[in-house]
C-alpha atoms as a PDB file:
ATOM      1  CA  UNK A   1     -72.676 180.968 210.571  1.00  0.00           C
ATOM      2  CA  UNK A   2     -76.050 180.083 210.773  1.00  0.00           C
ATOM      3  CA  UNK A   3     -77.274 176.873 213.031  1.00  0.00           C
ATOM      4  CA  UNK A   4     -80.006 176.134 211.203  1.00  0.00           C
ATOM      5  CA  UNK A   5     -82.024 174.229 213.477  1.00  0.00           C
ATOM      6  CA  UNK A   6     -84.042 171.194 212.666  1.00  0.00           C
ATOM      7  CA  UNK A   7     -88.030 171.648 213.945  1.00  0.00           C
ATOM      8  CA  UNK A   8     -90.122 173.997 215.693  1.00  0.00           C
ATOM      9  CA  UNK A   9     -89.112 174.884 219.382  1.00  0.00           C
ATOM     10  CA  UNK A  10     -93.205 174.705 219.904  1.00  0.00           C
ATOM     11  CA  UNK A  11     -94.941 171.896 217.678  1.00  0.00           C
ATOM     12  CA  UNK A  12     -91.106 170.187 217.278  1.00  0.00           C
ATOM     13  CA  UNK A  13     -92.555 170.091 213.228  1.00  0.00           C
ATOM     14  CA  UNK A  14     -89.229 169.564 211.236  1.00  0.00           C
ATOM     15  CA  UNK A  15     -87.435 172.430 209.018  1.00  0.00           C
ATOM     16  CA  UNK A  16     -85.220 171.006 206.399  1.00  0.00           C
ATOM     17  CA  UNK A  17     -81.451 173.178 205.858  1.00  0.00           C
ATOM     18  CA  UNK A  18     -84.442 174.142 202.419  1.00  0.00           C
ATOM     19  CA  UNK A  19     -87.728 175.276 204.299  1.00  0.00           C
ATOM     20  CA  UNK A  20     -88.769 178.137 202.931  1.00  0.00           C
ATOM     21  CA  UNK A  21     -91.050 177.285 206.845  1.00  0.00           C
ATOM     22  CA  UNK A  22     -89.011 178.639 209.543  1.00  0.00           C
ATOM     23  CA  UNK A  23     -88.836 180.944 210.683  1.00  0.00           C
ATOM     24  CA  UNK A  24     -86.092 182.718 213.187  1.00  0.00           C
ATOM     25  CA  UNK A  25     -84.917 185.629 215.387  1.00  0.00           C
ATOM     26  CA  UNK A  26     -81.211 187.003 216.125  1.00  0.00           C
ATOM     27  CA  UNK A  27     -80.843 184.296 218.243  1.00  0.00           C
ATOM     28  CA  UNK A  28     -81.951 181.980 215.889  1.00  0.00           C
ATOM     29  CA  UNK A  29     -84.667 181.071 217.918  1.00  0.00           C
ATOM     30  CA  UNK A  30     -86.552 178.693 215.398  1.00  0.00           C
ATOM     31  CA  UNK A  31     -90.142 178.309 214.997  1.00  0.00           C
ATOM     32  CA  UNK A  32     -92.919 177.209 212.156  1.00  0.00           C
ATOM     33  CA  UNK A  33     -93.843 180.232 210.293  1.00  0.00           C
ATOM     34  CA  UNK A  34     -97.525 178.712 212.225  1.00  0.00           C
ATOM     35  CA  UNK A  35     -96.682 179.024 214.803  1.00  0.00           C
ATOM     36  CA  UNK A  36     -94.461 182.184 214.032  1.00  0.00           C
ATOM     37  CA  UNK A  37     -97.172 183.914 213.168  1.00  0.00           C
ATOM     38  CA  UNK A  38     -99.426 182.593 215.853  1.00  0.00           C
ATOM     39  CA  UNK A  39     -97.135 184.981 218.293  1.00  0.00           C
ATOM     40  CA  UNK A  40     -97.299 187.609 216.175  1.00  0.00           C
ATOM     41  CA  UNK A  41     -93.683 187.148 214.599  1.00  0.00           C
ATOM     42  CA  UNK A  42     -92.614 187.239 218.196  1.00  0.00           C
ATOM     43  CA  UNK A  43     -90.123 185.529 219.436  1.00  0.00           C
ATOM     44  CA  UNK A  44     -91.406 184.512 222.566  1.00  0.00           C
ATOM     45  CA  UNK A  45     -87.754 183.933 224.318  1.00  0.00           C
ATOM     46  CA  UNK A  46     -87.039 187.119 223.496  1.00  0.00           C
ATOM     47  CA  UNK A  47     -89.163 188.943 222.298  1.00  0.00           C
ATOM     48  CA  UNK A  48     -86.869 189.320 218.944  1.00  0.00           C
ATOM     49  CA  UNK A  49     -88.567 189.430 215.217  1.00  0.00           C
ATOM     50  CA  UNK A  50     -88.752 185.960 213.761  1.00  0.00           C
ATOM     51  CA  UNK A  51     -88.437 186.830 210.395  1.00  0.00           C
ATOM     52  CA  UNK A  52     -88.593 184.469 207.267  1.00  0.00           C
ATOM     53  CA  UNK A  53     -84.652 181.756 207.499  1.00  0.00           C
ATOM     54  CA  UNK A  54     -82.081 181.938 204.505  1.00  0.00           C
ATOM     55  CA  UNK A  55     -81.726 178.431 202.901  1.00  0.00           C
ATOM     56  CA  UNK A  56     -78.368 177.439 202.403  1.00  0.00           C
ATOM     57  CA  UNK A  57     -77.147 176.348 199.377  1.00  0.00           C
ATOM     58  CA  UNK A  58     -77.032 172.647 199.009  1.00  0.00           C
ATOM     59  CA  UNK A  59     -73.692 172.231 197.603  1.00  0.00           C
ATOM     60  CA  UNK A  60     -72.646 174.238 201.027  1.00  0.00           C
ATOM     61  CA  UNK A  61     -74.021 171.696 203.099  1.00  0.00           C
ATOM     62  CA  UNK A  62     -71.583 169.090 203.527  1.00  0.00           C
ATOM     63  CA  UNK A  63     -69.083 170.944 204.624  1.00  0.00           C
ATOM     64  CA  UNK A  64     -71.914 173.568 206.767  1.00  0.00           C
ATOM     65  CA  UNK A  65     -73.601 170.746 207.803  1.00  0.00           C
ATOM     66  CA  UNK A  66     -76.823 171.499 209.619  1.00  0.00           C
ATOM     67  CA  UNK A  67     -77.103 171.496 213.020  1.00  0.00           C
ATOM     68  CA  UNK A  68     -79.480 167.952 214.199  1.00  0.00           C
ATOM     69  CA  UNK A  69     -80.099 169.406 217.761  1.00  0.00           C
ATOM     70  CA  UNK A  70     -83.493 169.486 218.514  1.00  0.00           C
ATOM     71  CA  UNK A  71     -84.677 172.317 220.582  1.00  0.00           C
ATOM     72  CA  UNK A  72     -87.791 171.700 221.942  1.00  0.00           C
ATOM     73  CA  UNK A  73     -90.652 173.012 224.603  1.00  0.00           C
ATOM     74  CA  UNK A  74     -91.591 170.369 226.179  1.00  0.00           C
ATOM     75  CA  UNK A  75     -95.012 172.371 227.442  1.00  0.00           C
ATOM     76  CA  UNK A  76     -94.705 174.597 223.453  1.00  0.00           C
ATOM     77  CA  UNK A  77     -95.129 178.338 223.098  1.00  0.00           C
END
């Protein structure tokens, strides 16, 4: 199950579970749409493709909550 990380690793903007602006790679590295575009939709961590993260239905969040662990690169991307 996807972690649904709460923010962009580059700019720390919030990306709630319902956000359609969250982008992830196959390792679940998470970025906002703006940062992903600046990186040409390529993950700076693994080189993988960044794609839109699926939205988890709100009624499923109580039993399957999103992560609250914020991962942010201190120097940005």
